[in-house]
């Protein structure tokens, strides 16, 4: 039977995020990269680590990537803090522009095939994007 093993650093107990699948325990030691050990099971390297003193898998919170990150208890991950003020509004504007541009593909195809309503929709998308760009320039 094939087993899944999560690799961890022998010196720190931190899971590497890599896994091996092996059906022969004897081959496992041959396949391990230098400086790593294996624990049977699939463990999340972002929120678990091996406690070297006890040999148990324990909860782990990695250090924050930067001061711009905050811990999300539900997702158990570091996330970029919500932007405030002008930065936040700019992010919303860029996201809206990106969403508008993503929707225009179908309208382009239909306009190319001669659909007049598709051409109207493309003009509406373009007008909204132009207004959003003007707002960005004012920010």
C-alpha atoms as a PDB file:
ATOM      1  CA  UNK A   1       0.000   0.000   0.000  1.00  0.00           C
ATOM      2  CA  UNK A   2       1.336   3.445  -0.933  1.00  0.00           C
ATOM      3  CA  UNK A   3       1.814   5.820   1.995  1.00  0.00           C
ATOM      4  CA  UNK A   4       2.165   9.603   2.004  1.00  0.00           C
ATOM      5  CA  UNK A   5       5.004  11.199   3.953  1.00  0.00           C
ATOM      6  CA  UNK A   6       5.490  14.897   4.689  1.00  0.00           C
ATOM      7  CA  UNK A   7       9.101  16.062   4.782  1.00  0.00           C
ATOM      8  CA  UNK A   8      10.419  18.320   7.519  1.00  0.00           C
ATOM      9  CA  UNK A   9      13.762  19.920   8.300  1.00  0.00           C
ATOM     10  CA  UNK A  10      15.661  17.829  10.810  1.00  0.00           C
ATOM     11  CA  UNK A  11      17.181  20.901  12.470  1.00  0.00           C
ATOM     12  CA  UNK A  12      14.005  22.986  12.919  1.00  0.00           C
ATOM     13  CA  UNK A  13      11.017  20.658  12.624  1.00  0.00           C
ATOM     14  CA  UNK A  14       9.465  22.906   9.972  1.00  0.00           C
ATOM     15  CA  UNK A  15       7.604  21.033   7.238  1.00  0.00           C
ATOM     16  CA  UNK A  16       9.012  21.788   3.809  1.00  0.00           C
ATOM     17  CA  UNK A  17       5.743  21.543   1.902  1.00  0.00           C
ATOM     18  CA  UNK A  18       7.072  18.566  -0.047  1.00  0.00           C
ATOM     19  CA  UNK A  19       5.691  15.055   0.160  1.00  0.00           C
ATOM     20  CA  UNK A  20       6.874  11.616  -0.851  1.00  0.00           C
ATOM     21  CA  UNK A  21       4.677   8.701  -1.812  1.00  0.00           C
ATOM     22  CA  UNK A  22       6.244   5.336  -1.184  1.00  0.00           C
ATOM     23  CA  UNK A  23       5.100   1.746  -0.766  1.00  0.00           C
ATOM     24  CA  UNK A  24       8.364   0.474   0.712  1.00  0.00           C
ATOM     25  CA  UNK A  25       9.566   1.979   4.003  1.00  0.00           C
ATOM     26  CA  UNK A  26      13.104   0.824   3.189  1.00  0.00           C
ATOM     27  CA  UNK A  27      13.214   3.017   0.100  1.00  0.00           C
ATOM     28  CA  UNK A  28      12.023   6.054   2.007  1.00  0.00           C
ATOM     29  CA  UNK A  29      15.400   6.757   3.642  1.00  0.00           C
ATOM     30  CA  UNK A  30      17.125   6.551   0.257  1.00  0.00           C
ATOM     31  CA  UNK A  31      14.790   9.136  -1.279  1.00  0.00           C
ATOM     32  CA  UNK A  32      15.019  11.769   1.484  1.00  0.00           C
ATOM     33  CA  UNK A  33      16.958  14.938   0.643  1.00  0.00           C
ATOM     34  CA  UNK A  34      19.877  15.694   2.952  1.00  0.00           C
ATOM     35  CA  UNK A  35      18.857  17.375   6.202  1.00  0.00           C
ATOM     36  CA  UNK A  36      15.239  16.234   6.064  1.00  0.00           C
ATOM     37  CA  UNK A  37      13.184  13.617   7.828  1.00  0.00           C
ATOM     38  CA  UNK A  38       9.732  12.241   7.023  1.00  0.00           C
ATOM     39  CA  UNK A  39       6.521  11.823   8.986  1.00  0.00           C
ATOM     40  CA  UNK A  40       3.719   9.653   7.669  1.00  0.00           C
ATOM     41  CA  UNK A  41       0.709  11.785   6.754  1.00  0.00           C
ATOM     42  CA  UNK A  42      -0.107  14.950   4.821  1.00  0.00           C
ATOM     43  CA  UNK A  43       0.678  17.987   6.958  1.00  0.00           C
ATOM     44  CA  UNK A  44       0.192  21.683   6.207  1.00  0.00           C
ATOM     45  CA  UNK A  45       3.609  23.362   6.169  1.00  0.00           C
ATOM     46  CA  UNK A  46       1.998  26.776   6.672  1.00  0.00           C
ATOM     47  CA  UNK A  47       0.284  25.944   9.961  1.00  0.00           C
ATOM     48  CA  UNK A  48       1.922  22.832  11.406  1.00  0.00           C
ATOM     49  CA  UNK A  49       5.419  21.770  12.419  1.00  0.00           C
ATOM     50  CA  UNK A  50       7.119  18.844  14.071  1.00  0.00           C
ATOM     51  CA  UNK A  51       7.980  19.363  17.745  1.00  0.00           C
ATOM     52  CA  UNK A  52      11.462  17.841  17.813  1.00  0.00           C
ATOM     53  CA  UNK A  53      11.383  17.340  21.580  1.00  0.00           C
ATOM     54  CA  UNK A  54       8.164  15.310  21.635  1.00  0.00           C
ATOM     55  CA  UNK A  55       7.940  13.986  18.074  1.00  0.00           C
ATOM     56  CA  UNK A  56       4.376  15.310  17.838  1.00  0.00           C
ATOM     57  CA  UNK A  57       2.911  17.511  15.113  1.00  0.00           C
ATOM     58  CA  UNK A  58       1.874  20.837  16.657  1.00  0.00           C
ATOM     59  CA  UNK A  59       0.204  24.057  15.515  1.00  0.00           C
ATOM     60  CA  UNK A  60       2.590  26.612  14.059  1.00  0.00           C
ATOM     61  CA  UNK A  61       2.281  30.288  13.187  1.00  0.00           C
ATOM     62  CA  UNK A  62       5.124  31.421  10.958  1.00  0.00           C
ATOM     63  CA  UNK A  63       6.554  34.898  11.452  1.00  0.00           C
ATOM     64  CA  UNK A  64       4.755  37.726   9.646  1.00  0.00           C
ATOM     65  CA  UNK A  65       6.171  38.364   6.150  1.00  0.00           C
ATOM     66  CA  UNK A  66       6.071  42.125   6.854  1.00  0.00           C
ATOM     67  CA  UNK A  67       4.432  44.739   9.043  1.00  0.00           C
ATOM     68  CA  UNK A  68       1.753  45.036   6.333  1.00  0.00           C
ATOM     69  CA  UNK A  69       0.374  41.602   7.234  1.00  0.00           C
ATOM     70  CA  UNK A  70      -2.108  40.481   9.865  1.00  0.00           C
ATOM     71  CA  UNK A  71      -2.982  37.003  11.106  1.00  0.00           C
ATOM     72  CA  UNK A  72      -6.273  35.510   9.899  1.00  0.00           C
ATOM     73  CA  UNK A  73      -7.474  33.122  12.622  1.00  0.00           C
ATOM     74  CA  UNK A  74     -10.068  31.494  10.376  1.00  0.00           C
ATOM     75  CA  UNK A  75      -7.758  30.805   7.421  1.00  0.00           C
ATOM     76  CA  UNK A  76      -4.733  30.411   9.692  1.00  0.00           C
ATOM     77  CA  UNK A  77      -2.610  32.405   7.296  1.00  0.00           C
ATOM     78  CA  UNK A  78      -0.932  35.820   7.138  1.00  0.00           C
ATOM     79  CA  UNK A  79      -2.835  38.239   4.933  1.00  0.00           C
ATOM     80  CA  UNK A  80      -2.076  41.729   3.724  1.00  0.00           C
ATOM     81  CA  UNK A  81      -3.874  44.236   5.947  1.00  0.00           C
ATOM     82  CA  UNK A  82      -6.864  45.944   4.430  1.00  0.00           C
ATOM     83  CA  UNK A  83      -5.756  49.225   2.909  1.00  0.00           C
ATOM     84  CA  UNK A  84      -7.260  52.411   4.190  1.00  0.00           C
ATOM     85  CA  UNK A  85      -8.058  55.768   2.639  1.00  0.00           C
ATOM     86  CA  UNK A  86      -6.711  56.513  -0.823  1.00  0.00           C
ATOM     87  CA  UNK A  87      -4.820  53.235  -1.090  1.00  0.00           C
ATOM     88  CA  UNK A  88      -7.989  51.294  -0.414  1.00  0.00           C
ATOM     89  CA  UNK A  89      -9.987  53.227  -2.993  1.00  0.00           C
ATOM     90  CA  UNK A  90      -7.236  52.795  -5.589  1.00  0.00           C
ATOM     91  CA  UNK A  91      -7.245  49.036  -5.026  1.00  0.00           C
ATOM     92  CA  UNK A  92     -11.016  48.962  -5.533  1.00  0.00           C
ATOM     93  CA  UNK A  93     -10.700  50.982  -8.742  1.00  0.00           C
ATOM     94  CA  UNK A  94      -7.957  48.723 -10.140  1.00  0.00           C
ATOM     95  CA  UNK A  95     -10.019  45.653  -9.279  1.00  0.00           C
ATOM     96  CA  UNK A  96     -13.063  47.103 -11.069  1.00  0.00           C
ATOM     97  CA  UNK A  97     -11.000  47.944 -14.158  1.00  0.00           C
ATOM     98  CA  UNK A  98      -9.616  44.421 -14.187  1.00  0.00           C
ATOM     99  CA  UNK A  99     -13.119  42.958 -13.856  1.00  0.00           C
ATOM    100  CA  UNK A 100     -14.407  45.130 -16.706  1.00  0.00           C
ATOM    101  CA  UNK A 101     -11.527  44.149 -18.957  1.00  0.00           C
ATOM    102  CA  UNK A 102     -12.125  40.490 -18.181  1.00  0.00           C
ATOM    103  CA  UNK A 103     -15.753  40.740 -19.342  1.00  0.00           C
ATOM    104  CA  UNK A 104     -15.070  42.394 -22.670  1.00  0.00           C
ATOM    105  CA  UNK A 105     -13.780  39.289 -24.467  1.00  0.00           C
ATOM    106  CA  UNK A 106     -17.217  37.982 -25.363  1.00  0.00           C
ATOM    107  CA  UNK A 107     -18.393  41.436 -26.459  1.00  0.00           C
ATOM    108  CA  UNK A 108     -15.336  41.757 -28.726  1.00  0.00           C
ATOM    109  CA  UNK A 109     -16.118  38.421 -30.354  1.00  0.00           C
ATOM    110  CA  UNK A 110     -19.786  39.310 -30.854  1.00  0.00           C
ATOM    111  CA  UNK A 111     -18.941  42.795 -32.155  1.00  0.00           C
ATOM    112  CA  UNK A 112     -16.497  41.255 -34.618  1.00  0.00           C
ATOM    113  CA  UNK A 113     -19.345  39.082 -35.871  1.00  0.00           C
ATOM    114  CA  UNK A 114     -21.460  42.213 -36.438  1.00  0.00           C
ATOM    115  CA  UNK A 115     -23.622  42.340 -33.294  1.00  0.00           C
ATOM    116  CA  UNK A 116     -24.547  46.016 -32.740  1.00  0.00           C
ATOM    117  CA  UNK A 117     -25.512  45.499 -29.066  1.00  0.00           C
ATOM    118  CA  UNK A 118     -22.069  44.050 -28.399  1.00  0.00           C
ATOM    119  CA  UNK A 119     -20.460  47.168 -29.866  1.00  0.00           C
ATOM    120  CA  UNK A 120     -22.656  49.267 -27.561  1.00  0.00           C
ATOM    121  CA  UNK A 121     -21.538  47.173 -24.567  1.00  0.00           C
ATOM    122  CA  UNK A 122     -17.859  47.651 -25.534  1.00  0.00           C
ATOM    123  CA  UNK A 123     -18.373  51.414 -25.631  1.00  0.00           C
ATOM    124  CA  UNK A 124     -20.033  51.307 -22.188  1.00  0.00           C
ATOM    125  CA  UNK A 125     -17.119  49.291 -20.778  1.00  0.00           C
ATOM    126  CA  UNK A 126     -14.619  51.704 -22.312  1.00  0.00           C
ATOM    127  CA  UNK A 127     -16.468  54.728 -20.920  1.00  0.00           C
ATOM    128  CA  UNK A 128     -16.557  53.253 -17.402  1.00  0.00           C
ATOM    129  CA  UNK A 129     -12.853  52.390 -17.538  1.00  0.00           C
ATOM    130  CA  UNK A 130     -12.042  55.952 -18.677  1.00  0.00           C
ATOM    131  CA  UNK A 131     -14.015  57.396 -15.743  1.00  0.00           C
ATOM    132  CA  UNK A 132     -12.219  55.082 -13.321  1.00  0.00           C
ATOM    133  CA  UNK A 133      -8.834  56.136 -14.731  1.00  0.00           C
ATOM    134  CA  UNK A 134      -9.766  59.785 -14.242  1.00  0.00           C
ATOM    135  CA  UNK A 135     -10.626  59.024 -10.620  1.00  0.00           C
ATOM    136  CA  UNK A 136      -7.243  57.347 -10.186  1.00  0.00           C
ATOM    137  CA  UNK A 137      -5.510  60.431 -11.568  1.00  0.00           C
ATOM    138  CA  UNK A 138      -7.301  62.610  -9.001  1.00  0.00           C
ATOM    139  CA  UNK A 139      -6.350  60.318  -6.104  1.00  0.00           C
END
